[in-house]
């Protein structure tokens, strides 16, 4: 064995879903992304930090236009952490944003 050579270091850049810690890692990464982007996306960050349960984002705003605006802000924030939203569902009258 040659001890003069530095060891090679490898690291994982993605977590496979199905691994035991994957849900916790995703939740922590989501929160860290919100905290890091809070200055630019204050309301979206607050929504993520206080109104996320598992993989659902639950929020109430007074109007559909505000809901669509908040959804767009959340998507912009999450892009910084390489997250994406699969689908939005809005309750009440109006449209759904897919």
C-alpha atoms as a PDB file:
ATOM      1  CA  UNK A   1       0.000   0.000   0.000  1.00  0.00           C
ATOM      2  CA  UNK A   2       1.344   3.390  -1.005  1.00  0.00           C
ATOM      3  CA  UNK A   3       0.677   5.801   1.864  1.00  0.00           C
ATOM      4  CA  UNK A   4       2.231   8.767   0.024  1.00  0.00           C
ATOM      5  CA  UNK A   5      -0.804   9.072  -2.280  1.00  0.00           C
ATOM      6  CA  UNK A   6      -3.825  10.991  -1.017  1.00  0.00           C
ATOM      7  CA  UNK A   7      -7.001   8.946  -0.894  1.00  0.00           C
ATOM      8  CA  UNK A   8      -9.700   9.546  -3.515  1.00  0.00           C
ATOM      9  CA  UNK A   9     -12.835  11.121  -2.129  1.00  0.00           C
ATOM     10  CA  UNK A  10     -16.269  10.391  -3.536  1.00  0.00           C
ATOM     11  CA  UNK A  11     -19.589  11.946  -2.575  1.00  0.00           C
ATOM     12  CA  UNK A  12     -23.201  11.479  -3.479  1.00  0.00           C
ATOM     13  CA  UNK A  13     -24.890  14.363  -5.303  1.00  0.00           C
ATOM     14  CA  UNK A  14     -28.436  12.984  -5.218  1.00  0.00           C
ATOM     15  CA  UNK A  15     -30.521  10.942  -2.828  1.00  0.00           C
ATOM     16  CA  UNK A  16     -32.552   8.035  -4.112  1.00  0.00           C
ATOM     17  CA  UNK A  17     -36.149   8.206  -3.009  1.00  0.00           C
ATOM     18  CA  UNK A  18     -36.989   5.059  -1.175  1.00  0.00           C
ATOM     19  CA  UNK A  19     -33.870   5.358   0.972  1.00  0.00           C
ATOM     20  CA  UNK A  20     -34.879   5.724   4.601  1.00  0.00           C
ATOM     21  CA  UNK A  21     -33.577   9.303   5.113  1.00  0.00           C
ATOM     22  CA  UNK A  22     -34.694  10.668   1.731  1.00  0.00           C
ATOM     23  CA  UNK A  23     -37.912  12.349   2.934  1.00  0.00           C
ATOM     24  CA  UNK A  24     -36.100  14.086   5.778  1.00  0.00           C
ATOM     25  CA  UNK A  25     -33.297  15.206   3.489  1.00  0.00           C
ATOM     26  CA  UNK A  26     -35.815  16.628   1.003  1.00  0.00           C
ATOM     27  CA  UNK A  27     -37.678  18.470   3.788  1.00  0.00           C
ATOM     28  CA  UNK A  28     -34.482  19.981   5.161  1.00  0.00           C
ATOM     29  CA  UNK A  29     -33.327  20.999   1.669  1.00  0.00           C
ATOM     30  CA  UNK A  30     -36.703  22.640   1.010  1.00  0.00           C
ATOM     31  CA  UNK A  31     -36.511  24.604   4.283  1.00  0.00           C
ATOM     32  CA  UNK A  32     -32.888  25.636   3.663  1.00  0.00           C
ATOM     33  CA  UNK A  33     -33.822  26.852   0.182  1.00  0.00           C
ATOM     34  CA  UNK A  34     -36.660  28.950   1.627  1.00  0.00           C
ATOM     35  CA  UNK A  35     -34.376  30.397   4.304  1.00  0.00           C
ATOM     36  CA  UNK A  36     -31.674  31.225   1.754  1.00  0.00           C
ATOM     37  CA  UNK A  37     -34.120  33.010  -0.564  1.00  0.00           C
ATOM     38  CA  UNK A  38     -36.210  34.756   2.108  1.00  0.00           C
ATOM     39  CA  UNK A  39     -34.814  38.209   1.301  1.00  0.00           C
ATOM     40  CA  UNK A  40     -35.926  38.003  -2.328  1.00  0.00           C
ATOM     41  CA  UNK A  41     -39.132  35.964  -1.890  1.00  0.00           C
ATOM     42  CA  UNK A  42     -40.396  36.855   1.597  1.00  0.00           C
ATOM     43  CA  UNK A  43     -44.018  35.683   1.333  1.00  0.00           C
ATOM     44  CA  UNK A  44     -43.178  32.525  -0.611  1.00  0.00           C
ATOM     45  CA  UNK A  45     -40.442  31.644   1.883  1.00  0.00           C
ATOM     46  CA  UNK A  46     -42.817  32.153   4.794  1.00  0.00           C
ATOM     47  CA  UNK A  47     -45.370  29.890   3.117  1.00  0.00           C
ATOM     48  CA  UNK A  48     -42.774  27.154   2.682  1.00  0.00           C
ATOM     49  CA  UNK A  49     -41.456  27.511   6.213  1.00  0.00           C
ATOM     50  CA  UNK A  50     -44.872  27.452   7.892  1.00  0.00           C
ATOM     51  CA  UNK A  51     -47.380  25.778   5.559  1.00  0.00           C
ATOM     52  CA  UNK A  52     -45.735  22.691   4.080  1.00  0.00           C
ATOM     53  CA  UNK A  53     -46.881  19.248   5.135  1.00  0.00           C
ATOM     54  CA  UNK A  54     -45.019  16.313   3.598  1.00  0.00           C
ATOM     55  CA  UNK A  55     -45.093  17.198  -0.107  1.00  0.00           C
ATOM     56  CA  UNK A  56     -48.083  19.557   0.010  1.00  0.00           C
ATOM     57  CA  UNK A  57     -48.003  23.339   0.223  1.00  0.00           C
ATOM     58  CA  UNK A  58     -51.144  24.597   1.943  1.00  0.00           C
ATOM     59  CA  UNK A  59     -51.881  28.310   1.879  1.00  0.00           C
ATOM     60  CA  UNK A  60     -54.797  30.712   2.082  1.00  0.00           C
ATOM     61  CA  UNK A  61     -54.945  34.079   0.354  1.00  0.00           C
ATOM     62  CA  UNK A  62     -57.966  36.369  -0.186  1.00  0.00           C
ATOM     63  CA  UNK A  63     -58.241  36.059  -3.995  1.00  0.00           C
ATOM     64  CA  UNK A  64     -57.453  33.760  -6.881  1.00  0.00           C
ATOM     65  CA  UNK A  65     -55.136  36.325  -8.448  1.00  0.00           C
ATOM     66  CA  UNK A  66     -53.118  36.436  -5.209  1.00  0.00           C
ATOM     67  CA  UNK A  67     -53.057  32.634  -5.135  1.00  0.00           C
ATOM     68  CA  UNK A  68     -51.669  32.466  -8.669  1.00  0.00           C
ATOM     69  CA  UNK A  69     -49.130  35.183  -7.845  1.00  0.00           C
ATOM     70  CA  UNK A  70     -48.024  33.348  -4.685  1.00  0.00           C
ATOM     71  CA  UNK A  71     -47.722  30.075  -6.627  1.00  0.00           C
ATOM     72  CA  UNK A  72     -45.500  31.761  -9.218  1.00  0.00           C
ATOM     73  CA  UNK A  73     -43.329  33.289  -6.478  1.00  0.00           C
ATOM     74  CA  UNK A  74     -42.991  29.888  -4.790  1.00  0.00           C
ATOM     75  CA  UNK A  75     -41.950  28.328  -8.096  1.00  0.00           C
ATOM     76  CA  UNK A  76     -39.312  31.037  -8.629  1.00  0.00           C
ATOM     77  CA  UNK A  77     -37.958  30.527  -5.118  1.00  0.00           C
ATOM     78  CA  UNK A  78     -37.835  26.753  -5.486  1.00  0.00           C
ATOM     79  CA  UNK A  79     -35.922  26.956  -8.774  1.00  0.00           C
ATOM     80  CA  UNK A  80     -32.955  28.165  -6.702  1.00  0.00           C
ATOM     81  CA  UNK A  81     -32.917  24.793  -4.933  1.00  0.00           C
ATOM     82  CA  UNK A  82     -33.609  22.775  -8.102  1.00  0.00           C
ATOM     83  CA  UNK A  83     -37.109  21.927  -6.884  1.00  0.00           C
ATOM     84  CA  UNK A  84     -40.135  22.010  -9.150  1.00  0.00           C
ATOM     85  CA  UNK A  85     -43.861  21.853  -8.540  1.00  0.00           C
ATOM     86  CA  UNK A  86     -45.656  19.060 -10.358  1.00  0.00           C
ATOM     87  CA  UNK A  87     -49.135  20.564 -10.191  1.00  0.00           C
ATOM     88  CA  UNK A  88     -51.071  23.296  -8.396  1.00  0.00           C
ATOM     89  CA  UNK A  89     -54.657  22.931  -7.229  1.00  0.00           C
ATOM     90  CA  UNK A  90     -56.688  25.963  -6.196  1.00  0.00           C
ATOM     91  CA  UNK A  91     -59.975  25.612  -4.356  1.00  0.00           C
ATOM     92  CA  UNK A  92     -63.038  27.769  -4.886  1.00  0.00           C
ATOM     93  CA  UNK A  93     -64.050  29.486  -8.094  1.00  0.00           C
ATOM     94  CA  UNK A  94     -61.473  30.075 -10.762  1.00  0.00           C
ATOM     95  CA  UNK A  95     -58.749  28.222 -12.555  1.00  0.00           C
ATOM     96  CA  UNK A  96     -56.124  25.655 -11.678  1.00  0.00           C
ATOM     97  CA  UNK A  97     -52.530  26.316 -12.660  1.00  0.00           C
ATOM     98  CA  UNK A  98     -50.831  23.202 -14.094  1.00  0.00           C
END
